[in-house]
Amino acid sequence: MKDTAFHVPKDKHYRFATAYGRVGGTQQLKVFDPPVTGKFSSPPAFENGSAGLVSTADDFNAFAQLMLNGGTLAGRRILSAETVGLMTKNHISLDEKKESQLFLGSSRGWGFGMSVFTGLEDPISAPERFGWDGGYGTSWYSDPREQLTGILLTQRMMDSPQAPRAFVDFWSTLSGSND
């Protein structure tokens, strides 16, 4: 994953996309984070492992495949199967979800660093599917039952805990649902 970091180096700014957000409650978009002067254009004061990675589609897919393969990629073990199992297993009880008021919905739990589906609720959900929707408009899930990974990269900021229509359409198409 040579193009994944907490910022985009200056010599690669030309490859970095602008992030857009909606203006108020309207459908009008405005620049939220410009690539050359924005949040990810220089090293952060503190690298936050829980948010803020910048990546490419190829690097993201390599990580998704690594996770789907139980810790191996291109025949090489990177993470132990036990580690991947812990990362992709729900560790939150129903009572903990209620107490912490997480925006995971009724069919999601939390593994080590990503959401884990525990039931069916919408086109994105499938038991054992794991991944995450990022605030800058990314959606990634891997489904061990189907041996399938989907990655959607947009340039539009999330503005609600509800999945944007583009996410629902993408996952409905990928899963073969007609919702």
C-alpha atoms as a PDB file:
ATOM      1  CA  MET A   1       0.000   0.000   0.000  1.00  0.00           C
ATOM      2  CA  LYS A   2       2.458   2.585  -1.253  1.00  0.00           C
ATOM      3  CA  ASP A   3      -0.175   5.313  -1.768  1.00  0.00           C
ATOM      4  CA  THR A   4      -1.859   5.223   1.651  1.00  0.00           C
ATOM      5  CA  ALA A   5      -0.907   7.739   4.328  1.00  0.00           C
ATOM      6  CA  PHE A   6      -2.231  10.420   6.656  1.00  0.00           C
ATOM      7  CA  HIS A   7      -1.627  13.060   3.995  1.00  0.00           C
ATOM      8  CA  VAL A   8      -0.924  13.364   0.285  1.00  0.00           C
ATOM      9  CA  PRO A   9       2.682  14.338  -0.467  1.00  0.00           C
ATOM     10  CA  LYS A  10       3.100  17.562  -2.427  1.00  0.00           C
ATOM     11  CA  ASP A  11       4.416  15.731  -5.497  1.00  0.00           C
ATOM     12  CA  LYS A  12       1.135  13.755  -5.660  1.00  0.00           C
ATOM     13  CA  HIS A  13      -1.347  16.616  -5.125  1.00  0.00           C
ATOM     14  CA  TYR A  14      -2.240  16.480  -8.828  1.00  0.00           C
ATOM     15  CA  ARG A  15      -3.738  13.019  -8.192  1.00  0.00           C
ATOM     16  CA  PHE A  16      -5.837  14.079  -5.207  1.00  0.00           C
ATOM     17  CA  ALA A  17      -9.568  14.769  -5.626  1.00  0.00           C
ATOM     18  CA  THR A  18     -11.549  17.660  -4.191  1.00  0.00           C
ATOM     19  CA  ALA A  19     -14.159  16.774  -1.551  1.00  0.00           C
ATOM     20  CA  TYR A  20     -17.585  18.433  -1.796  1.00  0.00           C
ATOM     21  CA  GLY A  21     -20.342  18.963   0.752  1.00  0.00           C
ATOM     22  CA  ARG A  22     -23.947  20.100   0.494  1.00  0.00           C
ATOM     23  CA  VAL A  23     -24.872  23.684   1.268  1.00  0.00           C
ATOM     24  CA  GLY A  24     -27.304  23.638   4.207  1.00  0.00           C
ATOM     25  CA  GLY A  25     -30.259  21.358   3.487  1.00  0.00           C
ATOM     26  CA  THR A  26     -30.086  21.982  -0.262  1.00  0.00           C
ATOM     27  CA  GLN A  27     -28.759  19.799  -3.084  1.00  0.00           C
ATOM     28  CA  GLN A  28     -26.228  22.509  -4.029  1.00  0.00           C
ATOM     29  CA  LEU A  29     -22.603  21.436  -3.547  1.00  0.00           C
ATOM     30  CA  LYS A  30     -19.610  23.492  -2.436  1.00  0.00           C
ATOM     31  CA  VAL A  31     -15.937  22.673  -1.988  1.00  0.00           C
ATOM     32  CA  PHE A  32     -15.456  21.183   1.462  1.00  0.00           C
ATOM     33  CA  ASP A  33     -11.788  20.186   1.287  1.00  0.00           C
ATOM     34  CA  PRO A  34      -9.579  21.321  -1.605  1.00  0.00           C
ATOM     35  CA  PRO A  35      -6.685  18.961  -2.436  1.00  0.00           C
ATOM     36  CA  VAL A  36      -3.848  21.492  -2.535  1.00  0.00           C
ATOM     37  CA  THR A  37      -4.674  23.442   0.644  1.00  0.00           C
ATOM     38  CA  GLY A  38      -7.047  21.098   2.471  1.00  0.00           C
ATOM     39  CA  LYS A  39      -6.834  18.884   5.518  1.00  0.00           C
ATOM     40  CA  PHE A  40      -4.855  16.117   3.832  1.00  0.00           C
ATOM     41  CA  SER A  41      -2.413  18.266   1.827  1.00  0.00           C
ATOM     42  CA  SER A  42       0.248  18.305   4.554  1.00  0.00           C
ATOM     43  CA  PRO A  43       1.233  16.038   7.473  1.00  0.00           C
ATOM     44  CA  PRO A  44      -1.132  16.269  10.456  1.00  0.00           C
ATOM     45  CA  ALA A  45       0.125  17.392  13.855  1.00  0.00           C
ATOM     46  CA  PHE A  46      -0.970  14.001  15.189  1.00  0.00           C
ATOM     47  CA  GLU A  47      -1.626  10.926  13.065  1.00  0.00           C
ATOM     48  CA  ASN A  48      -5.030   9.572  14.060  1.00  0.00           C
ATOM     49  CA  GLY A  49      -5.258   5.832  13.433  1.00  0.00           C
ATOM     50  CA  SER A  50      -9.043   5.862  13.747  1.00  0.00           C
ATOM     51  CA  ALA A  51      -9.666   8.410  10.990  1.00  0.00           C
ATOM     52  CA  GLY A  52      -7.978  10.342   8.291  1.00  0.00           C
ATOM     53  CA  LEU A  53      -6.168   7.936   6.011  1.00  0.00           C
ATOM     54  CA  VAL A  54      -5.909   8.920   2.367  1.00  0.00           C
ATOM     55  CA  SER A  55      -5.580   6.149  -0.181  1.00  0.00           C
ATOM     56  CA  THR A  56      -6.034   5.057  -3.788  1.00  0.00           C
ATOM     57  CA  ALA A  57      -8.531   2.578  -5.205  1.00  0.00           C
ATOM     58  CA  ASP A  58      -5.713   0.061  -5.778  1.00  0.00           C
ATOM     59  CA  ASP A  59      -4.387   0.312  -2.220  1.00  0.00           C
ATOM     60  CA  PHE A  60      -7.890   0.196  -0.754  1.00  0.00           C
ATOM     61  CA  ASN A  61      -8.667  -2.915  -2.790  1.00  0.00           C
ATOM     62  CA  ALA A  62      -5.420  -4.567  -1.621  1.00  0.00           C
ATOM     63  CA  PHE A  63      -6.462  -3.999   2.002  1.00  0.00           C
ATOM     64  CA  ALA A  64     -10.007  -5.233   1.342  1.00  0.00           C
ATOM     65  CA  GLN A  65      -8.672  -8.379  -0.345  1.00  0.00           C
ATOM     66  CA  LEU A  66      -6.218  -8.945   2.508  1.00  0.00           C
ATOM     67  CA  MET A  67      -9.100  -8.847   4.975  1.00  0.00           C
ATOM     68  CA  LEU A  68     -11.350 -11.026   2.806  1.00  0.00           C
ATOM     69  CA  ASN A  69      -8.523 -13.581   2.464  1.00  0.00           C
ATOM     70  CA  GLY A  70      -8.131 -13.838   6.238  1.00  0.00           C
ATOM     71  CA  GLY A  71      -4.819 -11.961   6.364  1.00  0.00           C
ATOM     72  CA  THR A  72      -3.061 -13.092   3.195  1.00  0.00           C
ATOM     73  CA  LEU A  73      -2.460 -11.227  -0.034  1.00  0.00           C
ATOM     74  CA  ALA A  74      -0.776 -12.601  -3.138  1.00  0.00           C
ATOM     75  CA  GLY A  75       0.083 -15.758  -1.217  1.00  0.00           C
ATOM     76  CA  ARG A  76       1.859 -13.857   1.568  1.00  0.00           C
ATOM     77  CA  ARG A  77       0.630 -13.736   5.160  1.00  0.00           C
ATOM     78  CA  ILE A  78       0.446 -10.137   6.426  1.00  0.00           C
ATOM     79  CA  LEU A  79      -1.944 -10.518   9.398  1.00  0.00           C
ATOM     80  CA  SER A  80      -2.696 -13.654  11.371  1.00  0.00           C
ATOM     81  CA  ALA A  81      -6.059 -15.299  10.749  1.00  0.00           C
ATOM     82  CA  GLU A  82      -6.793 -14.783  14.457  1.00  0.00           C
ATOM     83  CA  THR A  83      -6.216 -11.024  14.140  1.00  0.00           C
ATOM     84  CA  VAL A  84      -8.508 -10.752  11.117  1.00  0.00           C
ATOM     85  CA  GLY A  85     -11.103 -12.840  12.967  1.00  0.00           C
ATOM     86  CA  LEU A  86     -11.032 -10.416  15.897  1.00  0.00           C
ATOM     87  CA  MET A  87     -11.178  -7.402  13.589  1.00  0.00           C
ATOM     88  CA  THR A  88     -14.217  -8.737  11.738  1.00  0.00           C
ATOM     89  CA  LYS A  89     -16.203 -10.077  14.718  1.00  0.00           C
ATOM     90  CA  ASN A  90     -18.792  -8.008  16.553  1.00  0.00           C
ATOM     91  CA  HIS A  91     -17.606  -7.017  20.043  1.00  0.00           C
ATOM     92  CA  ILE A  92     -20.557  -4.827  21.079  1.00  0.00           C
ATOM     93  CA  SER A  93     -23.541  -6.234  22.958  1.00  0.00           C
ATOM     94  CA  LEU A  94     -27.065  -4.924  22.370  1.00  0.00           C
ATOM     95  CA  ASP A  95     -26.984  -3.204  25.777  1.00  0.00           C
ATOM     96  CA  GLU A  96     -23.679  -1.491  24.940  1.00  0.00           C
ATOM     97  CA  LYS A  97     -25.109  -0.260  21.623  1.00  0.00           C
ATOM     98  CA  LYS A  98     -28.096   1.239  23.439  1.00  0.00           C
ATOM     99  CA  GLU A  99     -25.932   2.882  26.109  1.00  0.00           C
ATOM    100  CA  SER A 100     -23.348   4.325  23.743  1.00  0.00           C
ATOM    101  CA  GLN A 101     -25.916   5.547  21.186  1.00  0.00           C
ATOM    102  CA  LEU A 102     -23.780   4.459  18.253  1.00  0.00           C
ATOM    103  CA  PHE A 103     -25.062   5.092  14.724  1.00  0.00           C
ATOM    104  CA  LEU A 104     -24.733   1.451  13.741  1.00  0.00           C
ATOM    105  CA  GLY A 105     -28.412   0.641  13.245  1.00  0.00           C
ATOM    106  CA  SER A 106     -30.022  -2.599  14.332  1.00  0.00           C
ATOM    107  CA  SER A 107     -27.989  -4.879  12.057  1.00  0.00           C
ATOM    108  CA  ARG A 108     -24.455  -3.611  12.717  1.00  0.00           C
ATOM    109  CA  GLY A 109     -21.941  -4.264  15.423  1.00  0.00           C
ATOM    110  CA  TRP A 110     -18.336  -3.170  15.813  1.00  0.00           C
ATOM    111  CA  GLY A 111     -15.172  -5.192  15.308  1.00  0.00           C
ATOM    112  CA  PHE A 112     -11.660  -3.894  15.835  1.00  0.00           C
ATOM    113  CA  GLY A 113     -11.670  -0.895  13.477  1.00  0.00           C
ATOM    114  CA  MET A 114     -14.753  -1.530  11.325  1.00  0.00           C
ATOM    115  CA  SER A 115     -18.438  -2.282  11.349  1.00  0.00           C
ATOM    116  CA  VAL A 116     -19.616  -5.872  11.209  1.00  0.00           C
ATOM    117  CA  PHE A 117     -23.078  -6.886  10.087  1.00  0.00           C
ATOM    118  CA  THR A 118     -24.985  -9.169  12.399  1.00  0.00           C
ATOM    119  CA  GLY A 119     -28.263  -9.287  10.449  1.00  0.00           C
ATOM    120  CA  LEU A 120     -30.227  -7.999   7.492  1.00  0.00           C
ATOM    121  CA  GLU A 121     -31.611  -4.477   7.429  1.00  0.00           C
ATOM    122  CA  ASP A 122     -30.939  -2.913   4.015  1.00  0.00           C
ATOM    123  CA  PRO A 123     -29.040  -3.624   0.764  1.00  0.00           C
ATOM    124  CA  ILE A 124     -25.701  -2.883   2.442  1.00  0.00           C
ATOM    125  CA  SER A 125     -26.197  -5.427   5.207  1.00  0.00           C
ATOM    126  CA  ALA A 126     -25.486  -9.146   5.091  1.00  0.00           C
ATOM    127  CA  PRO A 127     -24.482 -11.302   8.061  1.00  0.00           C
ATOM    128  CA  GLU A 128     -20.667 -11.467   8.462  1.00  0.00           C
ATOM    129  CA  ARG A 129     -20.081  -8.617   5.957  1.00  0.00           C
ATOM    130  CA  PHE A 130     -17.568  -6.105   7.317  1.00  0.00           C
ATOM    131  CA  GLY A 131     -16.217  -2.709   6.283  1.00  0.00           C
ATOM    132  CA  TRP A 132     -16.986   0.955   6.736  1.00  0.00           C
ATOM    133  CA  ASP A 133     -18.543   4.073   5.235  1.00  0.00           C
ATOM    134  CA  GLY A 134     -16.145   7.004   5.467  1.00  0.00           C
ATOM    135  CA  GLY A 135     -17.184  10.583   6.098  1.00  0.00           C
ATOM    136  CA  TYR A 136     -15.555  11.780   2.881  1.00  0.00           C
ATOM    137  CA  GLY A 137     -17.869   9.638   0.759  1.00  0.00           C
ATOM    138  CA  THR A 138     -16.300   6.174   0.672  1.00  0.00           C
ATOM    139  CA  SER A 139     -18.044   2.862   1.177  1.00  0.00           C
ATOM    140  CA  TRP A 140     -16.227  -0.466   1.517  1.00  0.00           C
ATOM    141  CA  TYR A 141     -17.493  -3.857   2.547  1.00  0.00           C
ATOM    142  CA  SER A 142     -16.186  -7.378   2.141  1.00  0.00           C
ATOM    143  CA  ASP A 143     -18.520 -10.357   2.280  1.00  0.00           C
ATOM    144  CA  PRO A 144     -16.846 -13.660   3.207  1.00  0.00           C
ATOM    145  CA  ARG A 145     -19.958 -15.689   2.348  1.00  0.00           C
ATOM    146  CA  GLU A 146     -20.027 -14.345  -1.203  1.00  0.00           C
ATOM    147  CA  GLN A 147     -16.226 -13.920  -1.490  1.00  0.00           C
ATOM    148  CA  LEU A 148     -16.988 -10.403  -2.684  1.00  0.00           C
ATOM    149  CA  THR A 149     -15.536  -6.980  -2.012  1.00  0.00           C
ATOM    150  CA  GLY A 150     -17.164  -3.718  -3.050  1.00  0.00           C
ATOM    151  CA  ILE A 151     -15.572  -0.296  -2.887  1.00  0.00           C
ATOM    152  CA  LEU A 152     -17.343   2.925  -3.824  1.00  0.00           C
ATOM    153  CA  LEU A 153     -15.302   6.124  -3.830  1.00  0.00           C
ATOM    154  CA  THR A 154     -17.152   9.418  -4.187  1.00  0.00           C
ATOM    155  CA  GLN A 155     -16.096  12.996  -3.567  1.00  0.00           C
ATOM    156  CA  ARG A 156     -19.177  13.943  -1.573  1.00  0.00           C
ATOM    157  CA  MET A 157     -19.134  14.335   2.185  1.00  0.00           C
ATOM    158  CA  MET A 158     -21.544  12.290   4.263  1.00  0.00           C
ATOM    159  CA  ASP A 159     -24.152  14.605   5.772  1.00  0.00           C
ATOM    160  CA  SER A 160     -26.333  12.124   7.628  1.00  0.00           C
ATOM    161  CA  PRO A 161     -26.024   8.799   9.465  1.00  0.00           C
ATOM    162  CA  GLN A 162     -28.259   7.409   6.703  1.00  0.00           C
ATOM    163  CA  ALA A 163     -26.458   6.025   3.659  1.00  0.00           C
ATOM    164  CA  PRO A 164     -26.658   8.333   0.623  1.00  0.00           C
ATOM    165  CA  ARG A 165     -28.791   7.098  -2.279  1.00  0.00           C
ATOM    166  CA  ALA A 166     -25.620   6.406  -4.322  1.00  0.00           C
ATOM    167  CA  PHE A 167     -24.449   3.970  -1.622  1.00  0.00           C
ATOM    168  CA  VAL A 168     -27.823   2.202  -1.520  1.00  0.00           C
ATOM    169  CA  ASP A 169     -27.917   1.950  -5.329  1.00  0.00           C
ATOM    170  CA  PHE A 170     -24.337   0.650  -5.472  1.00  0.00           C
ATOM    171  CA  TRP A 171     -24.886  -2.038  -2.836  1.00  0.00           C
ATOM    172  CA  SER A 172     -28.291  -2.997  -4.230  1.00  0.00           C
ATOM    173  CA  THR A 173     -26.734  -3.530  -7.645  1.00  0.00           C
ATOM    174  CA  LEU A 174     -23.754  -5.393  -6.255  1.00  0.00           C
ATOM    175  CA  SER A 175     -25.902  -7.705  -4.145  1.00  0.00           C
ATOM    176  CA  GLY A 176     -28.481  -8.244  -6.886  1.00  0.00           C
ATOM    177  CA  SER A 177     -31.271  -6.620  -4.844  1.00  0.00           C
ATOM    178  CA  ASN A 178     -33.991  -4.650  -6.609  1.00  0.00           C
ATOM    179  CA  ASP A 179     -34.684  -2.307  -3.666  1.00  0.00           C
END
